[in-house]
Protein backbone atom coordinates (compact mmCIF):
# COMPACT_ATOMS: atom_id res chain seq x y z
CA MET A 1 0.15 -0.02 -0.10
CA LEU A 2 3.16 2.44 0.66
CA SER A 3 4.43 1.62 -2.39
CA ARG A 4 1.42 2.42 -4.18
CA MET A 5 1.01 5.58 -2.46
CA LYS A 6 4.53 6.74 -3.39
CA ALA A 7 4.06 5.97 -7.09
CA LEU A 8 0.94 7.84 -6.98
CA CYS A 9 2.56 10.94 -5.85
CA LEU A 10 5.21 10.36 -8.18
CA LEU A 11 2.92 10.53 -10.99
CA MET A 12 1.12 13.85 -9.81
CA VAL A 13 4.63 15.52 -9.49
CA SER A 14 5.52 14.37 -13.06
CA LEU A 15 2.05 15.26 -14.67
CA PHE A 16 2.22 18.63 -12.82
CA PRO A 17 4.02 20.51 -15.39
CA LEU A 18 1.82 19.33 -17.94
CA VAL A 19 -1.19 20.41 -16.05
CA ALA A 20 -0.12 23.69 -15.83
CA SER A 21 1.32 24.43 -19.18
CA THR A 22 -2.46 23.06 -20.05
CA ARG A 23 -3.78 25.70 -17.84
CA ALA A 24 -1.85 28.47 -19.17
CA GLU A 25 -2.57 27.82 -22.54
CA THR A 26 -6.58 27.52 -21.44
CA GLU A 27 -6.25 31.17 -20.00
CA PRO A 28 -6.69 33.90 -22.72
CA ALA A 29 -3.49 35.49 -23.55
CA ARG A 30 -3.48 39.41 -24.22
CA PRO A 31 -2.91 39.70 -28.25
CA ALA A 32 0.39 41.63 -29.32
CA PRO A 33 -0.43 45.20 -30.24
CA ALA A 34 -0.45 45.65 -33.95
CA PRO A 35 2.72 47.23 -35.37
CA SER A 36 0.21 50.55 -36.28
CA ALA A 37 -1.49 50.57 -32.94
CA PRO A 38 -0.51 54.15 -31.01
CA VAL A 39 0.67 54.66 -27.98
CA TYR A 40 -1.73 57.44 -26.20
CA VAL A 41 -0.08 60.14 -24.19
CA ILE A 42 -2.16 62.30 -21.82
CA PRO A 43 -0.06 65.27 -20.08
CA ILE A 44 -1.36 66.02 -16.72
CA ARG A 45 0.45 69.08 -15.70
CA GLY A 46 -0.40 71.68 -13.11
CA GLN A 47 -3.01 71.83 -10.55
CA ILE A 48 -5.21 68.86 -10.82
CA GLU A 49 -8.85 69.93 -10.89
CA GLY A 50 -12.75 69.10 -11.91
CA ALA A 51 -11.93 70.67 -15.62
CA LEU A 52 -9.30 67.79 -15.58
CA LEU A 53 -11.28 64.81 -15.63
CA TYR A 54 -13.01 66.03 -18.82
CA VAL A 55 -9.85 66.19 -20.63
CA ILE A 56 -8.57 62.81 -19.19
CA ARG A 57 -12.20 61.27 -20.00
CA ARG A 58 -11.84 62.58 -23.46
CA GLY A 59 -8.08 61.12 -23.74
CA LEU A 60 -9.04 58.18 -22.70
CA ALA A 61 -12.03 57.83 -25.00
CA GLU A 62 -9.94 58.98 -28.17
CA ALA A 63 -7.51 55.63 -27.35
CA GLU A 64 -10.50 53.85 -27.05
CA ARG A 65 -11.25 54.57 -30.62
CA GLN A 66 -7.47 54.43 -32.00
CA ASP A 67 -7.43 51.02 -30.48
CA ALA A 68 -3.97 52.19 -29.03
CA ALA A 69 -1.06 49.83 -27.79
CA ALA A 70 -1.36 51.55 -24.24
CA VAL A 71 -2.05 54.69 -22.56
CA VAL A 72 0.87 56.79 -20.91
CA LEU A 73 0.37 59.83 -18.05
CA VAL A 74 3.02 62.00 -18.25
CA MET A 75 2.97 63.56 -15.09
CA ASP A 76 4.08 66.92 -13.42
CA THR A 77 1.87 68.46 -10.70
CA PRO A 78 1.67 69.52 -6.94
CA GLY A 79 -1.24 67.84 -6.65
CA GLY A 80 -4.83 69.29 -6.41
CA THR A 81 -8.68 68.46 -5.40
CA LEU A 82 -9.46 65.05 -4.02
CA ALA A 83 -12.36 64.90 -5.75
CA ALA A 84 -11.13 65.40 -9.05
CA ALA A 85 -8.33 62.60 -8.17
CA SER A 86 -10.93 60.35 -7.09
CA ASP A 87 -12.76 60.81 -10.19
CA ILE A 88 -9.56 60.35 -12.48
CA VAL A 89 -8.88 57.03 -10.79
CA ARG A 90 -11.72 55.88 -11.46
CA ALA A 91 -11.76 56.60 -15.10
CA VAL A 92 -8.21 54.73 -15.09
CA GLN A 93 -9.41 52.11 -13.87
CA ALA A 94 -12.32 51.84 -16.20
CA ALA A 95 -10.14 52.17 -19.16
CA HIS A 96 -10.09 49.24 -21.67
CA ARG A 97 -6.54 49.98 -22.38
CA PRO A 98 -2.94 49.48 -20.24
CA VAL A 99 -2.35 52.92 -18.49
CA HIS A 100 0.85 53.99 -17.29
CA THR A 101 2.50 57.18 -15.91
CA PHE A 102 5.72 58.54 -16.74
CA VAL A 103 6.61 61.14 -13.75
CA GLU A 104 8.51 63.62 -15.42
CA LYS A 105 9.05 65.88 -12.11
CA ASP A 106 6.45 65.41 -9.57
CA ALA A 107 3.92 63.59 -8.40
CA PHE A 108 2.65 64.85 -5.22
CA SER A 109 -0.89 64.45 -3.23
CA ALA A 110 -3.48 63.98 -6.32
CA GLY A 111 -1.27 62.92 -8.98
CA ALA A 112 0.25 60.35 -6.57
CA ILE A 113 -2.95 58.91 -6.01
CA ILE A 114 -3.75 58.64 -9.76
CA ALA A 115 -0.09 57.54 -10.48
CA LEU A 116 -0.57 54.58 -7.91
CA ALA A 117 -4.18 53.82 -10.18
CA THR A 118 -2.01 52.83 -13.18
CA ARG A 119 -0.42 49.35 -14.36
CA LYS A 120 3.22 50.68 -14.17
CA ILE A 121 4.82 53.64 -12.61
CA PHE A 122 8.33 55.23 -14.40
CA MET A 123 10.39 57.76 -13.40
CA ALA A 124 12.88 60.48 -15.09
CA PRO A 125 16.34 60.89 -13.40
CA GLY A 126 15.39 63.52 -10.28
CA ALA A 127 11.80 62.88 -10.25
CA VAL A 128 9.72 62.45 -6.80
CA ILE A 129 6.28 60.96 -5.87
CA GLY A 130 4.65 60.79 -2.83
CA ASP A 131 3.20 62.72 0.10
CA ALA A 132 -0.63 62.45 -0.61
CA LEU A 133 -2.07 63.75 2.89
CA PRO A 134 -5.04 65.57 2.63
CA ILE A 135 -5.34 68.93 3.74
CA MET A 136 -7.78 72.03 3.98
CA MET A 137 -7.37 75.33 2.19
CA SER A 138 -8.39 78.39 4.43
CA PRO A 139 -10.76 81.38 2.86
CA ILE A 140 -7.43 83.38 2.74
CA GLY A 141 -4.93 81.04 1.22
CA GLY A 142 -2.54 78.54 2.91
CA VAL A 143 -3.47 75.35 4.86
CA GLN A 144 -6.12 75.52 7.52
CA GLU A 145 -5.56 73.40 10.60
CA MET A 146 -8.41 70.44 10.59
CA SER A 147 -9.76 69.08 14.04
CA GLU A 148 -8.63 65.54 15.31
CA GLY A 149 -11.83 64.18 14.42
CA LEU A 150 -12.16 65.95 10.94
CA GLU A 151 -8.30 64.92 10.07
CA GLU A 152 -8.87 61.26 10.95
CA LYS A 153 -12.20 61.10 8.72
CA ALA A 154 -10.48 62.67 5.78
CA VAL A 155 -7.07 60.78 6.22
CA SER A 156 -8.92 57.33 6.27
CA ALA A 157 -11.37 58.24 3.16
CA VAL A 158 -7.93 59.06 1.48
CA ALA A 159 -5.95 55.97 2.52
CA ALA A 160 -9.06 53.58 1.65
CA LEU A 161 -8.87 55.08 -1.69
CA VAL A 162 -4.66 54.71 -2.41
CA ARG A 163 -4.74 51.14 -1.33
CA SER A 164 -7.84 50.57 -3.63
CA ALA A 165 -5.90 52.61 -6.46
CA ALA A 166 -2.57 50.09 -5.28
CA GLN A 167 -4.23 46.92 -5.02
CA THR A 168 -6.06 47.22 -8.48
CA ALA A 169 -2.84 48.01 -10.50
CA GLY A 170 -0.90 45.85 -8.50
CA HIS A 171 1.29 47.77 -6.16
CA ASP A 172 2.02 47.34 -2.42
CA PRO A 173 -0.60 48.95 -0.82
CA GLU A 174 0.99 49.10 2.79
CA LEU A 175 3.33 51.67 0.67
CA ALA A 176 0.50 53.30 -0.86
CA GLU A 177 -1.23 54.38 2.52
CA LYS A 178 2.01 55.19 4.07
CA MET A 179 1.94 58.00 1.83
CA VAL A 180 -1.33 59.46 3.56
CA ARG A 181 -0.51 58.07 7.07
CA ARG A 182 2.58 59.45 8.88
CA GLU A 183 2.23 57.31 12.20
CA LEU A 184 2.46 54.41 9.85
CA GLU A 185 6.34 52.66 9.54
CA TYR A 186 7.42 51.15 6.53
CA LYS A 187 10.05 48.92 6.68
CA ILE A 188 12.05 45.60 4.20
CA GLY A 189 13.09 43.38 6.70
CA ASP A 190 15.17 45.64 9.09
CA ASP A 191 15.65 48.40 6.96
CA VAL A 192 13.39 51.28 7.40
CA ILE A 193 12.26 52.91 4.72
CA SER A 194 9.82 55.58 6.54
CA PRO A 195 10.22 55.94 9.66
CA ALA A 196 6.93 56.43 12.02
CA GLY A 197 5.84 60.69 11.94
CA HIS A 198 7.16 61.44 8.36
CA LEU A 199 4.87 60.81 5.17
CA LEU A 200 6.73 58.29 2.30
CA THR A 201 7.96 60.36 -0.64
CA LEU A 202 10.13 58.60 -2.91
CA THR A 203 12.90 59.37 -5.30
CA ALA A 204 13.32 57.85 -8.60
CA GLU A 205 16.33 55.76 -7.03
CA GLU A 206 14.51 55.02 -3.80
CA ALA A 207 11.24 53.79 -5.63
CA LEU A 208 13.52 51.24 -7.68
CA GLN A 209 14.56 49.44 -4.36
CA LEU A 210 13.47 46.08 -4.14
CA GLY A 211 10.75 45.21 -1.35
CA GLN A 212 10.24 41.87 0.26
CA ASP A 213 9.26 39.97 -3.19
CA GLY A 214 12.12 40.72 -4.99
CA GLN A 215 10.25 43.48 -7.21
CA PRO A 216 11.05 46.82 -7.11
CA LEU A 217 8.97 49.04 -4.32
CA LEU A 218 7.29 51.52 -7.01
CA SER A 219 9.07 52.12 -9.90
CA ALA A 220 9.11 50.03 -12.87
CA GLY A 221 11.98 51.66 -14.28
CA THR A 222 13.78 54.82 -14.69
CA ALA A 223 13.72 56.83 -17.82
CA PRO A 224 15.15 60.08 -19.21
CA ASP A 225 12.40 60.65 -21.86
CA LEU A 226 9.21 58.87 -23.62
CA THR A 227 11.03 56.87 -25.83
CA ALA A 228 13.28 54.71 -23.22
CA VAL A 229 9.86 54.61 -21.60
CA LEU A 230 8.33 52.57 -24.42
CA GLU A 231 11.55 50.74 -24.88
CA GLN A 232 10.80 49.62 -21.30
CA LEU A 233 7.38 48.64 -22.20
CA SER A 234 8.25 46.92 -25.15
CA LEU A 235 6.70 48.98 -27.47
CA ALA A 236 9.53 51.07 -28.96
CA GLY A 237 8.19 50.57 -32.38
CA GLN A 238 4.59 51.70 -31.85
CA PRO A 239 3.76 55.39 -33.04
CA LEU A 240 3.43 57.89 -29.90
CA VAL A 241 0.21 60.38 -30.44
CA GLU A 242 0.32 62.92 -27.70
CA MET A 243 -3.12 64.70 -27.16
CA LYS A 244 -3.63 67.60 -27.54
CA ILE A 245 -5.31 69.78 -25.21
CA THR A 246 -7.53 72.76 -26.97
CA SER A 247 -7.43 75.91 -26.36
CA THR A 248 -10.98 76.08 -25.07
CA GLU A 249 -10.15 73.14 -22.57
CA LYS A 250 -7.16 75.34 -21.30
CA LEU A 251 -9.61 78.12 -21.17
CA ALA A 252 -12.07 76.03 -19.27
CA ARG A 253 -9.36 74.91 -16.56
CA LEU A 254 -8.41 78.28 -16.32
CA ILE A 255 -12.36 79.68 -15.91
CA ALA A 256 -12.73 76.87 -13.28
CA GLY A 257 -9.68 77.81 -11.25
CA ALA A 258 -10.83 82.05 -11.30
CA ALA A 259 -14.14 81.06 -10.60
CA PRO A 260 -14.32 83.72 -7.56
CA ILE A 261 -13.03 86.39 -9.33
CA LEU A 262 -15.08 85.98 -12.23
CA MET A 263 -18.37 86.17 -9.70
CA ILE A 264 -16.96 89.08 -8.07
CA ILE A 265 -16.69 90.71 -11.23
CA GLY A 266 -20.02 89.95 -12.58
CA PHE A 267 -21.66 90.67 -9.36
CA LEU A 268 -19.72 94.14 -8.91
CA GLY A 269 -20.77 95.14 -12.42
CA ILE A 270 -24.65 94.60 -11.74
CA TYR A 271 -24.25 96.27 -8.64
CA ILE A 272 -22.44 99.61 -10.32
CA GLU A 273 -25.50 98.88 -13.12
CA LEU A 274 -28.28 99.57 -10.55
CA LYS A 275 -26.66 102.60 -8.81
CA THR A 276 -25.58 104.45 -11.94
CA PRO A 277 -28.33 105.76 -14.89
CA GLY A 278 -29.29 103.55 -17.90
CA PHE A 279 -27.21 100.69 -19.09
CA GLY A 280 -23.77 100.78 -19.91
CA LEU A 281 -20.49 99.16 -19.52
CA PRO A 282 -20.19 98.09 -15.80
CA GLY A 283 -23.92 96.27 -16.79
CA ILE A 284 -22.31 94.66 -20.14
CA LEU A 285 -18.94 93.81 -17.99
CA GLY A 286 -20.61 91.94 -15.44
CA ALA A 287 -23.25 89.98 -17.73
CA ALA A 288 -20.12 88.94 -19.63
CA CYS A 289 -18.21 87.53 -17.01
CA LEU A 290 -21.11 85.69 -15.31
CA ALA A 291 -22.13 83.84 -18.62
CA LEU A 292 -18.19 83.11 -18.85
CA PHE A 293 -18.62 81.69 -15.94
CA PHE A 294 -21.12 79.27 -16.88
CA TRP A 295 -19.61 78.58 -20.43
CA GLY A 296 -16.23 77.45 -18.92
CA HIS A 297 -17.74 74.96 -16.16
CA HIS A 298 -20.21 73.69 -18.99
CA ILE A 299 -17.25 73.12 -21.12
CA ALA A 300 -15.62 71.43 -18.35
CA GLY A 301 -18.21 69.11 -17.80
CA LEU A 302 -19.52 70.89 -14.56
CA ALA A 303 -22.36 72.65 -15.10
CA GLY A 304 -25.38 72.04 -17.51
CA MET A 305 -28.31 74.10 -18.78
CA GLU A 306 -30.38 73.14 -15.16
CA ASP A 307 -27.71 75.49 -14.03
CA LEU A 308 -28.26 78.32 -16.39
CA LEU A 309 -31.96 77.92 -15.86
CA ILE A 310 -31.75 78.05 -12.21
CA LEU A 311 -29.80 81.62 -12.88
CA LEU A 312 -32.17 82.94 -14.99
CA ALA A 313 -35.15 81.95 -12.95
CA GLY A 314 -32.94 83.70 -9.83
CA LEU A 315 -32.74 86.89 -11.65
CA ILE A 316 -36.45 87.38 -13.12
CA LEU A 317 -37.24 86.93 -9.70
CA ILE A 318 -35.28 89.59 -8.05
CA LEU A 319 -35.71 92.07 -11.33
CA LEU A 320 -39.71 91.38 -10.35
CA GLU A 321 -39.18 92.40 -6.76
CA ILE A 322 -37.02 95.22 -7.39
CA PHE A 323 -39.31 97.13 -9.96
CA LEU A 324 -42.99 95.64 -9.55
CA ILE A 325 -43.26 94.59 -6.23
CA PRO A 326 -43.29 97.12 -3.64
CA GLY A 327 -41.19 96.29 -0.55
CA PHE A 328 -38.35 93.48 -0.71
CA GLY A 329 -39.86 90.01 0.35
CA PHE A 330 -40.30 86.43 -0.45
CA ALA A 331 -39.69 86.91 -4.39
CA GLY A 332 -36.08 88.53 -3.58
CA ILE A 333 -34.98 86.27 -1.00
CA PHE A 334 -36.02 83.35 -3.28
CA GLY A 335 -34.14 84.77 -6.24
CA ILE A 336 -31.20 85.31 -4.16
CA ALA A 337 -31.50 81.80 -3.41
CA LEU A 338 -31.97 80.49 -6.43
CA VAL A 339 -28.74 82.65 -7.86
CA LEU A 340 -26.59 80.85 -5.38
CA VAL A 341 -27.59 77.27 -5.89
CA SER A 342 -26.88 77.86 -9.67
CA LEU A 343 -23.77 79.13 -8.88
CA VAL A 344 -22.92 76.20 -6.51
CA GLY A 345 -24.34 73.76 -9.05
CA ALA A 346 -22.49 74.72 -11.86
CA MET A 347 -19.06 74.19 -10.12
CA THR A 348 -20.59 70.89 -8.33
CA ARG A 349 -19.81 67.32 -10.39
CA ALA A 350 -22.56 65.08 -11.51
CA THR A 351 -22.95 62.18 -9.05
CA PRO A 352 -22.38 59.02 -10.83
CA ASP A 353 -24.77 57.21 -9.35
CA GLY A 354 -27.64 59.82 -10.70
CA ALA A 355 -28.83 61.28 -6.92
CA TRP A 356 -30.57 63.97 -7.28
CA LEU A 357 -28.30 66.08 -4.09
CA PRO A 358 -24.56 65.77 -4.19
CA ALA A 359 -22.60 64.48 -1.17
CA TRP A 360 -21.00 67.51 1.44
CA ASN A 361 -17.52 66.56 0.34
CA GLU A 362 -18.83 67.27 -3.27
CA LEU A 363 -20.01 70.62 -2.41
CA GLN A 364 -17.72 71.83 -0.24
CA LEU A 365 -15.11 73.34 -2.59
CA PRO A 366 -18.14 75.17 -4.69
CA VAL A 367 -19.88 76.50 -1.57
CA PHE A 368 -16.09 77.79 -0.55
CA LYS A 369 -15.70 79.58 -3.76
CA THR A 370 -19.49 80.97 -3.70
CA GLY A 371 -18.40 81.78 -0.22
CA VAL A 372 -15.05 83.57 -1.28
CA ALA A 373 -16.99 85.80 -4.22
CA LEU A 374 -19.89 86.79 -1.85
CA VAL A 375 -17.32 88.07 0.59
CA GLY A 376 -15.39 89.58 -2.12
CA THR A 377 -18.50 91.50 -3.48
CA GLY A 378 -19.24 92.80 0.03
CA VAL A 379 -15.75 94.34 0.41
CA GLY A 380 -15.99 95.54 -3.16
CA ALA A 381 -19.48 97.15 -2.60
CA LEU A 382 -18.22 99.18 0.34
CA ILE A 383 -15.10 100.27 -1.54
CA LEU A 384 -16.96 101.55 -4.60
CA GLY A 385 -19.61 103.12 -2.78
CA ARG A 386 -17.28 105.68 -0.82
CA PHE A 387 -15.10 106.40 -3.94
CA LEU A 388 -17.15 105.72 -6.74
CA PRO A 389 -19.44 108.84 -6.36
CA ARG A 390 -15.95 110.84 -6.11
CA SER A 391 -14.70 109.69 -9.26
CA ARG A 392 -14.57 110.51 -13.01
CA LEU A 393 -16.41 107.82 -14.06
CA PHE A 394 -19.25 108.37 -12.25
CA GLY A 395 -19.21 112.07 -13.11
CA ARG A 396 -19.77 111.20 -16.47
CA LEU A 397 -22.59 108.99 -15.51
CA ALA A 398 -24.50 111.15 -13.31
CA LEU A 399 -25.27 114.95 -13.21
CA THR A 400 -23.78 116.79 -10.50
CA THR A 401 -24.39 120.14 -10.98
CA ALA A 402 -27.65 122.01 -10.24
CA THR A 403 -29.77 123.55 -12.86
CA ALA A 404 -31.30 126.66 -11.12
CA ALA A 405 -34.51 128.56 -12.61
CA ALA A 406 -32.35 131.87 -12.79
CA GLU A 407 -30.21 130.68 -15.40
CA GLY A 408 -33.04 129.52 -17.81
CA TYR A 409 -33.49 126.03 -16.59
CA THR A 410 -37.10 124.73 -16.06
CA ALA A 411 -37.82 121.28 -15.84
CA SER A 412 -41.47 122.08 -16.58
CA PRO A 413 -43.49 125.15 -17.56
CA ASP A 414 -45.28 127.13 -14.97
CA THR A 415 -48.90 126.94 -15.10
CA SER A 416 -50.22 128.34 -11.86
CA ALA A 417 -51.46 131.34 -13.16
CA MET A 418 -54.35 128.66 -14.80
CA VAL A 419 -55.73 127.96 -11.32
CA GLY A 420 -59.45 129.21 -11.30
CA GLN A 421 -59.88 129.48 -15.02
CA THR A 422 -62.79 127.25 -16.67
CA GLY A 423 -63.28 125.46 -19.85
CA VAL A 424 -65.07 122.82 -21.31
CA ALA A 425 -64.43 118.70 -20.96
CA LEU A 426 -63.27 117.41 -24.57
CA THR A 427 -63.51 113.80 -23.42
CA PRO A 428 -64.98 111.99 -20.23
CA LEU A 429 -62.41 112.37 -17.49
CA ARG A 430 -62.06 109.13 -16.02
CA PRO A 431 -60.36 110.74 -14.02
CA ALA A 432 -58.15 111.63 -16.76
CA GLY A 433 -58.90 113.01 -19.88
CA ALA A 434 -58.38 116.30 -22.21
CA ALA A 435 -60.03 119.89 -22.01
CA ARG A 436 -60.12 123.15 -23.39
CA ILE A 437 -59.19 125.89 -21.09
CA ASP A 438 -58.10 129.35 -22.24
CA GLY A 439 -58.05 128.24 -26.02
CA GLN A 440 -55.43 125.58 -25.09
CA HIS A 441 -56.04 121.39 -25.47
CA LEU A 442 -54.71 120.11 -22.47
CA ASP A 443 -54.28 116.89 -20.38
CA VAL A 444 -56.08 117.57 -17.16
CA VAL A 445 -57.03 114.98 -14.43
CA THR A 446 -59.66 115.25 -11.95
CA SER A 447 -59.42 114.45 -7.75
CA GLY A 448 -61.33 111.19 -8.50
CA GLU A 449 -65.10 112.30 -9.67
CA PHE A 450 -66.19 111.05 -13.16
CA ILE A 451 -66.66 114.32 -15.43
CA ASN A 452 -68.75 113.40 -18.70
CA ALA A 453 -67.35 115.55 -22.26
CA GLY A 454 -68.66 118.67 -22.63
CA ALA A 455 -69.17 119.55 -19.06
CA MET A 456 -67.76 123.06 -17.84
CA VAL A 457 -64.85 122.75 -15.51
CA ARG A 458 -62.45 124.53 -13.48
CA VAL A 459 -58.85 124.16 -12.72
CA VAL A 460 -58.57 123.79 -9.21
CA GLU A 461 -54.49 123.10 -9.24
CA ALA A 462 -52.10 123.53 -11.27
CA HIS A 463 -48.30 122.27 -11.00
CA GLY A 464 -46.05 122.00 -13.96
CA ASN A 465 -47.78 119.52 -16.41
CA ARG A 466 -49.98 118.31 -14.08
CA ILE A 467 -53.55 120.20 -14.05
CA VAL A 468 -56.13 119.59 -11.54
CA VAL A 469 -59.68 119.97 -12.59
CA ALA A 470 -62.96 119.88 -10.77
CA GLN A 471 -66.67 120.57 -12.37
CA ALA A 472 -67.82 124.43 -12.89
CA GLU A 473 -70.42 125.52 -10.44
CA ALA A 474 -73.76 126.54 -12.06
CA LYS A 475 -73.29 129.57 -11.98
CA GLU A 476 -70.09 129.41 -13.21
CA GLN A 477 -71.54 127.47 -16.06
CA GLN A 478 -74.43 130.18 -16.84
CA ALA A 479 -71.24 133.43 -16.86
CA GLU A 480 -69.37 131.10 -19.51
CA GLY A 481 -72.69 130.12 -21.23
CA ARG A 482 -73.29 134.38 -21.61
CA GLY A 483 -70.10 134.43 -22.66
CA LEU A 484 -70.18 132.20 -25.67
CA ASN A 485 -73.88 133.91 -26.49
CA SER A 486 -72.53 137.58 -26.47
CA ALA A 487 -69.47 136.17 -28.45
């Protein structure tokens, strides 16, 4: 029996290579790219914000249409918003083409998170990657200190994101988490790579160190340029296609970054227009800035037509409150609320699950930018209210010198001498109409009474063009009748 068991074991051992090779043959192997299949290059340079998501989605879609052999993200960024990085990570993970990263110089914060979601990371000599700790910006610029609970909540969310990105792409999740959590220690055997109390940031040389599995820590290789990257990817013969970011997309990214400035100029332009007569340059400039704000966010894939419709509805309610409804009440308050909702909505990313209301973390940055715009508008209005009346521009828009009657200026003719004169109503006075008084055809009005056409009237008040009449008494009508007969 024992010898039979030994023979069976030897048979299984001898058949194992055959079984393994057969299994490998049954697994679908990825076909080699066609010689004409391009390598698509998408640049990620500068700040990472919501508008960049639109650019990367377009690049991945173009790579899919061109049946690209691979996509390479050429990266040099100090970081950006977590919301944008999260969406870009999901776009990369959903791509049907292999996506790699080439770090030209820096890949910090959001850039490091995106790079961890790609299959292979190449770094130029002297390049740096890491430090993905989330921070909060203050309204006046700079980093704002977070409470312990809020910081742990933010750090926990980012740590989960980088672990998920690293695991999906085949990178070490512990190394990725060390870029977010400074309290952890990362070491290989007895060698401490990053001690507790420090965030992990790796140079190109450090990223090539061998880990516990005998593979490089993070970098797939050091390459001076894209040509060297393609050689290491065994794609040296493939054509290189670099995605061209259009001027419209560049402008959209600029508008997304300068949103508070555009809102401030737009609000101040409208404020000046309401404070000055007529409609001129300030109103045109304000409307143009708000239109540019919505156009840029629409191109960036953030704002839709519904945001513009909400803005128009809010403006209509505000105008109705100002010009048609006395006082300031529900219509004005609701109109202002709609304007603010439209501005925040234009800067808020659409929720991928189709939820009607976005999560608070999606609203934080748009609400912050809108708040900055409102504060800036208030400060600007105070400054303009103090200095605008004395400026040369205001002097051209408003009349600043008095026009006295002694100098020959009159707003309306002096009709006070007509008080007491009588005439005849040419039309029914209900209470306004026309009458002939002292041979003149005049527009008159009663104090509220109705007077038939042909009745005798007497002027009781005369203030310029406003002539108030009343029906003449019987003796006045008889006297007027005798005067007409004698004539």
